[in-house]
Amino acid sequence: MSDDDKVLEAIGERLGRRPGWHLEPSPSPGGPVSWCFEEHGRVLLSVTVADGTISAYLPDGDVEVQFADLEALMAWVSLAGWTMVLP
């Protein structure tokens, strides 16, 4: 397992239990998988890891945000209100 895969797995452990999040395969062969936040069948946010960098992409605004580590991503996700943790 690569370092990127380990980080993606750690992201999944934190986001996968939250409503609206799921693991999405790459739309192109060989591309990275991503954790996506979806609402009403539409992806509002996707999170990927490539070359040690965690990136969140917001398709509506064509905006990409990069994070130094998992804790920075989780703080941003929580502040932005992407979802609540299931009890």
PDB file of N, CA and C in Angstrom:
ATOM      1  N   MET A   1       0.856  -1.176   0.000  1.00  0.00           N
ATOM      2  CA  MET A   1       0.000   0.000   0.000  1.00  0.00           C
ATOM      3  C   MET A   1       0.902   1.238   0.000  1.00  0.00           C
ATOM      4  N   SER A   2       0.628   2.167  -0.908  1.00  0.00           N
ATOM      5  CA  SER A   2       1.430   3.389  -0.993  1.00  0.00           C
ATOM      6  C   SER A   2       1.078   4.352   0.144  1.00  0.00           C
ATOM      7  N   ASP A   3       1.933   5.344   0.348  1.00  0.00           N
ATOM      8  CA  ASP A   3       1.656   6.365   1.366  1.00  0.00           C
ATOM      9  C   ASP A   3       0.357   7.104   1.048  1.00  0.00           C
ATOM     10  N   ASP A   4       0.119   7.417  -0.235  1.00  0.00           N
ATOM     11  CA  ASP A   4      -1.128   8.089  -0.629  1.00  0.00           C
ATOM     12  C   ASP A   4      -2.335   7.227  -0.286  1.00  0.00           C
ATOM     13  N   ASP A   5      -2.224   5.924  -0.521  1.00  0.00           N
ATOM     14  CA  ASP A   5      -3.326   5.005  -0.191  1.00  0.00           C
ATOM     15  C   ASP A   5      -3.595   4.982   1.312  1.00  0.00           C
ATOM     16  N   LYS A   6      -2.532   5.043   2.103  1.00  0.00           N
ATOM     17  CA  LYS A   6      -2.690   5.056   3.557  1.00  0.00           C
ATOM     18  C   LYS A   6      -3.408   6.324   4.018  1.00  0.00           C
ATOM     19  N   VAL A   7      -3.045   7.451   3.425  1.00  0.00           N
ATOM     20  CA  VAL A   7      -3.701   8.713   3.782  1.00  0.00           C
ATOM     21  C   VAL A   7      -5.164   8.669   3.344  1.00  0.00           C
ATOM     22  N   LEU A   8      -5.435   8.160   2.143  1.00  0.00           N
ATOM     23  CA  LEU A   8      -6.811   8.058   1.660  1.00  0.00           C
ATOM     24  C   LEU A   8      -7.631   7.138   2.566  1.00  0.00           C
ATOM     25  N   GLU A   9      -7.018   6.068   3.036  1.00  0.00           N
ATOM     26  CA  GLU A   9      -7.703   5.161   3.958  1.00  0.00           C
ATOM     27  C   GLU A   9      -8.020   5.880   5.278  1.00  0.00           C
ATOM     28  N   ALA A  10      -7.077   6.672   5.773  1.00  0.00           N
ATOM     29  CA  ALA A  10      -7.304   7.433   7.010  1.00  0.00           C
ATOM     30  C   ALA A  10      -8.422   8.459   6.821  1.00  0.00           C
ATOM     31  N   ILE A  11      -8.459   9.080   5.653  1.00  0.00           N
ATOM     32  CA  ILE A  11      -9.544  10.017   5.345  1.00  0.00           C
ATOM     33  C   ILE A  11     -10.874   9.275   5.373  1.00  0.00           C
ATOM     34  N   GLY A  12     -10.909   8.097   4.780  1.00  0.00           N
ATOM     35  CA  GLY A  12     -12.123   7.290   4.768  1.00  0.00           C
ATOM     36  C   GLY A  12     -12.592   6.895   6.150  1.00  0.00           C
ATOM     37  N   GLU A  13     -11.640   6.620   7.038  1.00  0.00           N
ATOM     38  CA  GLU A  13     -12.008   6.279   8.414  1.00  0.00           C
ATOM     39  C   GLU A  13     -12.697   7.452   9.104  1.00  0.00           C
ATOM     40  N   ARG A  14     -12.349   8.664   8.715  1.00  0.00           N
ATOM     41  CA  ARG A  14     -12.929   9.855   9.340  1.00  0.00           C
ATOM     42  C   ARG A  14     -14.193  10.337   8.629  1.00  0.00           C
ATOM     43  N   LEU A  15     -14.207  10.252   7.292  1.00  0.00           N
ATOM     44  CA  LEU A  15     -15.354  10.770   6.548  1.00  0.00           C
ATOM     45  C   LEU A  15     -16.402   9.715   6.226  1.00  0.00           C
ATOM     46  N   GLY A  16     -15.987   8.462   6.105  1.00  0.00           N
ATOM     47  CA  GLY A  16     -16.883   7.401   5.668  1.00  0.00           C
ATOM     48  C   GLY A  16     -18.082   7.160   6.564  1.00  0.00           C
ATOM     49  N   ARG A  17     -17.987   7.537   7.825  1.00  0.00           N
ATOM     50  CA  ARG A  17     -19.113   7.327   8.744  1.00  0.00           C
ATOM     51  C   ARG A  17     -20.057   8.528   8.782  1.00  0.00           C
ATOM     52  N   ARG A  18     -19.750   9.533   8.012  1.00  0.00           N
ATOM     53  CA  ARG A  18     -20.592  10.738   7.993  1.00  0.00           C
ATOM     54  C   ARG A  18     -21.608  10.645   6.862  1.00  0.00           C
ATOM     55  N   PRO A  19     -22.818  11.137   7.092  1.00  0.00           N
ATOM     56  CA  PRO A  19     -23.841  11.097   6.040  1.00  0.00           C
ATOM     57  C   PRO A  19     -23.403  11.884   4.808  1.00  0.00           C
ATOM     58  N   GLY A  20     -23.696  11.322   3.655  1.00  0.00           N
ATOM     59  CA  GLY A  20     -23.422  12.013   2.403  1.00  0.00           C
ATOM     60  C   GLY A  20     -22.079  11.697   1.781  1.00  0.00           C
ATOM     61  N   TRP A  21     -21.187  11.020   2.511  1.00  0.00           N
ATOM     62  CA  TRP A  21     -19.844  10.715   2.007  1.00  0.00           C
ATOM     63  C   TRP A  21     -19.771   9.286   1.490  1.00  0.00           C
ATOM     64  N   HIS A  22     -19.051   9.100   0.380  1.00  0.00           N
ATOM     65  CA  HIS A  22     -18.808   7.755  -0.151  1.00  0.00           C
ATOM     66  C   HIS A  22     -17.519   7.759  -0.965  1.00  0.00           C
ATOM     67  N   LEU A  23     -16.953   6.595  -1.149  1.00  0.00           N
ATOM     68  CA  LEU A  23     -15.751   6.429  -1.955  1.00  0.00           C
ATOM     69  C   LEU A  23     -16.174   6.296  -3.408  1.00  0.00           C
ATOM     70  N   GLU A  24     -15.555   7.073  -4.260  1.00  0.00           N
ATOM     71  CA  GLU A  24     -15.908   7.107  -5.683  1.00  0.00           C
ATOM     72  C   GLU A  24     -14.702   6.675  -6.514  1.00  0.00           C
ATOM     73  N   PRO A  25     -14.883   5.711  -7.424  1.00  0.00           N
ATOM     74  CA  PRO A  25     -13.767   5.327  -8.293  1.00  0.00           C
ATOM     75  C   PRO A  25     -13.423   6.460  -9.261  1.00  0.00           C
ATOM     76  N   SER A  26     -12.230   6.396  -9.789  1.00  0.00           N
ATOM     77  CA  SER A  26     -11.788   7.417 -10.733  1.00  0.00           C
ATOM     78  C   SER A  26     -12.601   7.339 -12.016  1.00  0.00           C
ATOM     79  N   PRO A  27     -12.964   8.502 -12.588  1.00  0.00           N
ATOM     80  CA  PRO A  27     -13.669   8.478 -13.866  1.00  0.00           C
ATOM     81  C   PRO A  27     -12.751   8.102 -15.030  1.00  0.00           C
ATOM     82  N   SER A  28     -11.434   8.192 -14.823  1.00  0.00           N
ATOM     83  CA  SER A  28     -10.492   7.816 -15.881  1.00  0.00           C
ATOM     84  C   SER A  28      -9.603   6.670 -15.387  1.00  0.00           C
ATOM     85  N   PRO A  29      -9.296   5.737 -16.255  1.00  0.00           N
ATOM     86  CA  PRO A  29      -8.481   4.591 -15.855  1.00  0.00           C
ATOM     87  C   PRO A  29      -7.134   5.042 -15.271  1.00  0.00           C
ATOM     88  N   GLY A  30      -6.787   4.459 -14.120  1.00  0.00           N
ATOM     89  CA  GLY A  30      -5.517   4.776 -13.497  1.00  0.00           C
ATOM     90  C   GLY A  30      -5.519   6.051 -12.664  1.00  0.00           C
ATOM     91  N   GLY A  31      -6.612   6.775 -12.685  1.00  0.00           N
ATOM     92  CA  GLY A  31      -6.712   8.009 -11.904  1.00  0.00           C
ATOM     93  C   GLY A  31      -6.994   7.704 -10.447  1.00  0.00           C
ATOM     94  N   PRO A  32      -6.854   8.706  -9.592  1.00  0.00           N
ATOM     95  CA  PRO A  32      -7.060   8.472  -8.159  1.00  0.00           C
ATOM     96  C   PRO A  32      -8.542   8.331  -7.800  1.00  0.00           C
ATOM     97  N   VAL A  33      -8.799   7.486  -6.816  1.00  0.00           N
ATOM     98  CA  VAL A  33     -10.151   7.420  -6.252  1.00  0.00           C
ATOM     99  C   VAL A  33     -10.316   8.620  -5.334  1.00  0.00           C
ATOM    100  N   SER A  34     -11.551   8.941  -5.004  1.00  0.00           N
ATOM    101  CA  SER A  34     -11.768  10.101  -4.136  1.00  0.00           C
ATOM    102  C   SER A  34     -12.925   9.845  -3.188  1.00  0.00           C
ATOM    103  N   TRP A  35     -12.870  10.536  -2.057  1.00  0.00           N
ATOM    104  CA  TRP A  35     -13.995  10.568  -1.138  1.00  0.00           C
ATOM    105  C   TRP A  35     -14.853  11.742  -1.543  1.00  0.00           C
ATOM    106  N   CYS A  36     -16.142  11.484  -1.779  1.00  0.00           N
ATOM    107  CA  CYS A  36     -17.035  12.524  -2.281  1.00  0.00           C
ATOM    108  C   CYS A  36     -18.194  12.783  -1.324  1.00  0.00           C
ATOM    109  N   PHE A  37     -18.530  14.048  -1.218  1.00  0.00           N
ATOM    110  CA  PHE A  37     -19.733  14.443  -0.488  1.00  0.00           C
ATOM    111  C   PHE A  37     -20.784  14.726  -1.543  1.00  0.00           C
ATOM    112  N   GLU A  38     -21.894  13.992  -1.442  1.00  0.00           N
ATOM    113  CA  GLU A  38     -22.941  14.058  -2.452  1.00  0.00           C
ATOM    114  C   GLU A  38     -24.259  14.444  -1.809  1.00  0.00           C
ATOM    115  N   GLU A  39     -25.012  15.257  -2.512  1.00  0.00           N
ATOM    116  CA  GLU A  39     -26.331  15.640  -2.041  1.00  0.00           C
ATOM    117  C   GLU A  39     -27.286  15.598  -3.229  1.00  0.00           C
ATOM    118  N   HIS A  40     -28.375  14.875  -3.086  1.00  0.00           N
ATOM    119  CA  HIS A  40     -29.377  14.724  -4.145  1.00  0.00           C
ATOM    120  C   HIS A  40     -28.749  14.240  -5.455  1.00  0.00           C
ATOM    121  N   GLY A  41     -27.801  13.294  -5.339  1.00  0.00           N
ATOM    122  CA  GLY A  41     -27.186  12.693  -6.511  1.00  0.00           C
ATOM    123  C   GLY A  41     -26.122  13.540  -7.187  1.00  0.00           C
ATOM    124  N   ARG A  42     -25.719  14.623  -6.560  1.00  0.00           N
ATOM    125  CA  ARG A  42     -24.734  15.520  -7.170  1.00  0.00           C
ATOM    126  C   ARG A  42     -23.529  15.666  -6.241  1.00  0.00           C
ATOM    127  N   VAL A  43     -22.324  15.495  -6.780  1.00  0.00           N
ATOM    128  CA  VAL A  43     -21.109  15.646  -5.994  1.00  0.00           C
ATOM    129  C   VAL A  43     -20.849  17.131  -5.763  1.00  0.00           C
ATOM    130  N   LEU A  44     -20.782  17.513  -4.483  1.00  0.00           N
ATOM    131  CA  LEU A  44     -20.515  18.899  -4.117  1.00  0.00           C
ATOM    132  C   LEU A  44     -19.066  19.116  -3.727  1.00  0.00           C
ATOM    133  N   LEU A  45     -18.400  18.035  -3.311  1.00  0.00           N
ATOM    134  CA  LEU A  45     -17.022  18.125  -2.850  1.00  0.00           C
ATOM    135  C   LEU A  45     -16.360  16.776  -3.029  1.00  0.00           C
ATOM    136  N   SER A  46     -15.129  16.773  -3.551  1.00  0.00           N
ATOM    137  CA  SER A  46     -14.375  15.523  -3.628  1.00  0.00           C
ATOM    138  C   SER A  46     -12.997  15.742  -3.020  1.00  0.00           C
ATOM    139  N   VAL A  47     -12.505  14.703  -2.360  1.00  0.00           N
ATOM    140  CA  VAL A  47     -11.215  14.766  -1.691  1.00  0.00           C
ATOM    141  C   VAL A  47     -10.328  13.660  -2.254  1.00  0.00           C
ATOM    142  N   THR A  48      -9.134  14.042  -2.711  1.00  0.00           N
ATOM    143  CA  THR A  48      -8.173  13.088  -3.249  1.00  0.00           C
ATOM    144  C   THR A  48      -6.819  13.283  -2.584  1.00  0.00           C
ATOM    145  N   VAL A  49      -5.953  12.294  -2.788  1.00  0.00           N
ATOM    146  CA  VAL A  49      -4.581  12.378  -2.318  1.00  0.00           C
ATOM    147  C   VAL A  49      -3.681  12.011  -3.491  1.00  0.00           C
ATOM    148  N   ALA A  50      -2.739  12.890  -3.812  1.00  0.00           N
ATOM    149  CA  ALA A  50      -1.796  12.620  -4.896  1.00  0.00           C
ATOM    150  C   ALA A  50      -0.434  13.197  -4.519  1.00  0.00           C
ATOM    151  N   ASP A  51       0.574  12.375  -4.633  1.00  0.00           N
ATOM    152  CA  ASP A  51       1.944  12.784  -4.328  1.00  0.00           C
ATOM    153  C   ASP A  51       2.059  13.412  -2.939  1.00  0.00           C
ATOM    154  N   GLY A  52       1.332  12.827  -1.971  1.00  0.00           N
ATOM    155  CA  GLY A  52       1.405  13.279  -0.596  1.00  0.00           C
ATOM    156  C   GLY A  52       0.588  14.517  -0.265  1.00  0.00           C
ATOM    157  N   THR A  53      -0.146  15.031  -1.233  1.00  0.00           N
ATOM    158  CA  THR A  53      -0.947  16.232  -1.021  1.00  0.00           C
ATOM    159  C   THR A  53      -2.424  15.876  -0.976  1.00  0.00           C
ATOM    160  N   ILE A  54      -3.101  16.349   0.062  1.00  0.00           N
ATOM    161  CA  ILE A  54      -4.548  16.167   0.186  1.00  0.00           C
ATOM    162  C   ILE A  54      -5.215  17.370  -0.468  1.00  0.00           C
ATOM    163  N   SER A  55      -6.123  17.100  -1.415  1.00  0.00           N
ATOM    164  CA  SER A  55      -6.820  18.172  -2.118  1.00  0.00           C
ATOM    165  C   SER A  55      -8.319  17.962  -2.060  1.00  0.00           C
ATOM    166  N   ALA A  56      -9.028  19.066  -1.865  1.00  0.00           N
ATOM    167  CA  ALA A  56     -10.487  19.051  -1.941  1.00  0.00           C
ATOM    168  C   ALA A  56     -10.873  19.877  -3.151  1.00  0.00           C
ATOM    169  N   TYR A  57     -11.815  19.363  -3.918  1.00  0.00           N
ATOM    170  CA  TYR A  57     -12.257  20.053  -5.126  1.00  0.00           C
ATOM    171  C   TYR A  57     -13.749  20.339  -5.020  1.00  0.00           C
ATOM    172  N   LEU A  58     -14.109  21.580  -5.255  1.00  0.00           N
ATOM    173  CA  LEU A  58     -15.511  22.012  -5.255  1.00  0.00           C
ATOM    174  C   LEU A  58     -15.902  22.292  -6.706  1.00  0.00           C
ATOM    175  N   PRO A  59     -16.607  21.353  -7.358  1.00  0.00           N
ATOM    176  CA  PRO A  59     -16.911  21.501  -8.774  1.00  0.00           C
ATOM    177  C   PRO A  59     -17.774  22.722  -9.111  1.00  0.00           C
ATOM    178  N   ASP A  60     -18.675  23.121  -8.211  1.00  0.00           N
ATOM    179  CA  ASP A  60     -19.543  24.257  -8.525  1.00  0.00           C
ATOM    180  C   ASP A  60     -18.761  25.543  -8.765  1.00  0.00           C
ATOM    181  N   GLY A  61     -17.686  25.736  -8.024  1.00  0.00           N
ATOM    182  CA  GLY A  61     -16.887  26.949  -8.193  1.00  0.00           C
ATOM    183  C   GLY A  61     -15.577  26.704  -8.902  1.00  0.00           C
ATOM    184  N   ASP A  62     -15.333  25.437  -9.315  1.00  0.00           N
ATOM    185  CA  ASP A  62     -14.072  25.039  -9.928  1.00  0.00           C
ATOM    186  C   ASP A  62     -12.902  25.490  -9.048  1.00  0.00           C
ATOM    187  N   VAL A  63     -13.010  25.165  -7.747  1.00  0.00           N
ATOM    188  CA  VAL A  63     -12.021  25.577  -6.752  1.00  0.00           C
ATOM    189  C   VAL A  63     -11.363  24.343  -6.155  1.00  0.00           C
ATOM    190  N   GLU A  64     -10.043  24.386  -6.023  1.00  0.00           N
ATOM    191  CA  GLU A  64      -9.303  23.322  -5.366  1.00  0.00           C
ATOM    192  C   GLU A  64      -8.608  23.910  -4.139  1.00  0.00           C
ATOM    193  N   VAL A  65      -8.719  23.197  -3.020  1.00  0.00           N
ATOM    194  CA  VAL A  65      -8.095  23.618  -1.774  1.00  0.00           C
ATOM    195  C   VAL A  65      -7.159  22.496  -1.345  1.00  0.00           C
ATOM    196  N   GLN A  66      -5.910  22.851  -0.994  1.00  0.00           N
ATOM    197  CA  GLN A  66      -4.941  21.846  -0.565  1.00  0.00           C
ATOM    198  C   GLN A  66      -4.702  21.956   0.933  1.00  0.00           C
ATOM    199  N   PHE A  67      -4.392  20.807   1.548  1.00  0.00           N
ATOM    200  CA  PHE A  67      -4.221  20.725   2.992  1.00  0.00           C
ATOM    201  C   PHE A  67      -2.891  20.090   3.335  1.00  0.00           C
ATOM    202  N   ALA A  68      -2.293  20.573   4.418  1.00  0.00           N
ATOM    203  CA  ALA A  68      -1.001  20.057   4.862  1.00  0.00           C
ATOM    204  C   ALA A  68      -1.111  18.650   5.432  1.00  0.00           C
ATOM    205  N   ASP A  69      -2.263  18.354   6.048  1.00  0.00           N
ATOM    206  CA  ASP A  69      -2.431  17.040   6.671  1.00  0.00           C
ATOM    207  C   ASP A  69      -3.916  16.746   6.892  1.00  0.00           C
ATOM    208  N   LEU A  70      -4.178  15.564   7.408  1.00  0.00           N
ATOM    209  CA  LEU A  70      -5.550  15.112   7.626  1.00  0.00           C
ATOM    210  C   LEU A  70      -6.285  16.007   8.620  1.00  0.00           C
ATOM    211  N   GLU A  71      -5.608  16.437   9.664  1.00  0.00           N
ATOM    212  CA  GLU A  71      -6.265  17.282  10.671  1.00  0.00           C
ATOM    213  C   GLU A  71      -6.705  18.620  10.074  1.00  0.00           C
ATOM    214  N   ALA A  72      -5.898  19.178   9.188  1.00  0.00           N
ATOM    215  CA  ALA A  72      -6.276  20.439   8.530  1.00  0.00           C
ATOM    216  C   ALA A  72      -7.510  20.224   7.652  1.00  0.00           C
ATOM    217  N   LEU A  73      -7.556  19.112   6.932  1.00  0.00           N
ATOM    218  CA  LEU A  73      -8.734  18.791   6.113  1.00  0.00           C
ATOM    219  C   LEU A  73      -9.964  18.656   6.994  1.00  0.00           C
ATOM    220  N   MET A  74      -9.847  17.893   8.080  1.00  0.00           N
ATOM    221  CA  MET A  74     -11.000  17.658   8.940  1.00  0.00           C
ATOM    222  C   MET A  74     -11.495  18.949   9.588  1.00  0.00           C
ATOM    223  N   ALA A  75     -10.591  19.831   9.962  1.00  0.00           N
ATOM    224  CA  ALA A  75     -11.002  21.120  10.531  1.00  0.00           C
ATOM    225  C   ALA A  75     -11.781  21.914   9.489  1.00  0.00           C
ATOM    226  N   TRP A  76     -11.313  21.917   8.249  1.00  0.00           N
ATOM    227  CA  TRP A  76     -11.981  22.655   7.170  1.00  0.00           C
ATOM    228  C   TRP A  76     -13.350  22.051   6.870  1.00  0.00           C
ATOM    229  N   VAL A  77     -13.409  20.724   6.797  1.00  0.00           N
ATOM    230  CA  VAL A  77     -14.680  20.039   6.532  1.00  0.00           C
ATOM    231  C   VAL A  77     -15.694  20.384   7.624  1.00  0.00           C
ATOM    232  N   SER A  78     -15.247  20.373   8.870  1.00  0.00           N
ATOM    233  CA  SER A  78     -16.144  20.672   9.991  1.00  0.00           C
ATOM    234  C   SER A  78     -16.582  22.128   9.981  1.00  0.00           C
ATOM    235  N   LEU A  79     -15.653  23.050   9.745  1.00  0.00           N
ATOM    236  CA  LEU A  79     -15.994  24.474   9.716  1.00  0.00           C
ATOM    237  C   LEU A  79     -16.921  24.810   8.555  1.00  0.00           C
ATOM    238  N   ALA A  80     -16.696  24.145   7.431  1.00  0.00           N
ATOM    239  CA  ALA A  80     -17.510  24.417   6.248  1.00  0.00           C
ATOM    240  C   ALA A  80     -18.886  23.763   6.351  1.00  0.00           C
ATOM    241  N   GLY A  81     -19.076  22.911   7.372  1.00  0.00           N
ATOM    242  CA  GLY A  81     -20.389  22.296   7.593  1.00  0.00           C
ATOM    243  C   GLY A  81     -20.781  21.263   6.573  1.00  0.00           C
ATOM    244  N   TRP A  82     -19.808  20.510   6.047  1.00  0.00           N
ATOM    245  CA  TRP A  82     -20.133  19.547   5.005  1.00  0.00           C
ATOM    246  C   TRP A  82     -21.032  18.440   5.484  1.00  0.00           C
ATOM    247  N   THR A  83     -21.035  18.133   6.769  1.00  0.00           N
ATOM    248  CA  THR A  83     -21.934  17.126   7.297  1.00  0.00           C
ATOM    249  C   THR A  83     -21.703  16.960   8.790  1.00  0.00           C
ATOM    250  N   MET A  84     -22.576  16.216   9.418  1.00  0.00           N
ATOM    251  CA  MET A  84     -22.446  15.951  10.857  1.00  0.00           C
ATOM    252  C   MET A  84     -22.071  14.490  11.060  1.00  0.00           C
ATOM    253  N   VAL A  85     -21.349  14.195  12.112  1.00  0.00           N
ATOM    254  CA  VAL A  85     -20.996  12.816  12.443  1.00  0.00           C
ATOM    255  C   VAL A  85     -22.230  12.084  12.916  1.00  0.00           C
ATOM    256  N   LEU A  86     -22.405  10.863  12.442  1.00  0.00           N
ATOM    257  CA  LEU A  86     -23.508  10.034  12.925  1.00  0.00           C
ATOM    258  C   LEU A  86     -23.279   9.672  14.382  1.00  0.00           C
ATOM    259  N   PRO A  87     -24.329   9.599  15.184  1.00  0.00           N
ATOM    260  CA  PRO A  87     -24.148   9.217  16.603  1.00  0.00           C
ATOM    261  C   PRO A  87     -23.698   7.774  16.716  1.00  0.00           C
TER     262      PRO A  87
END
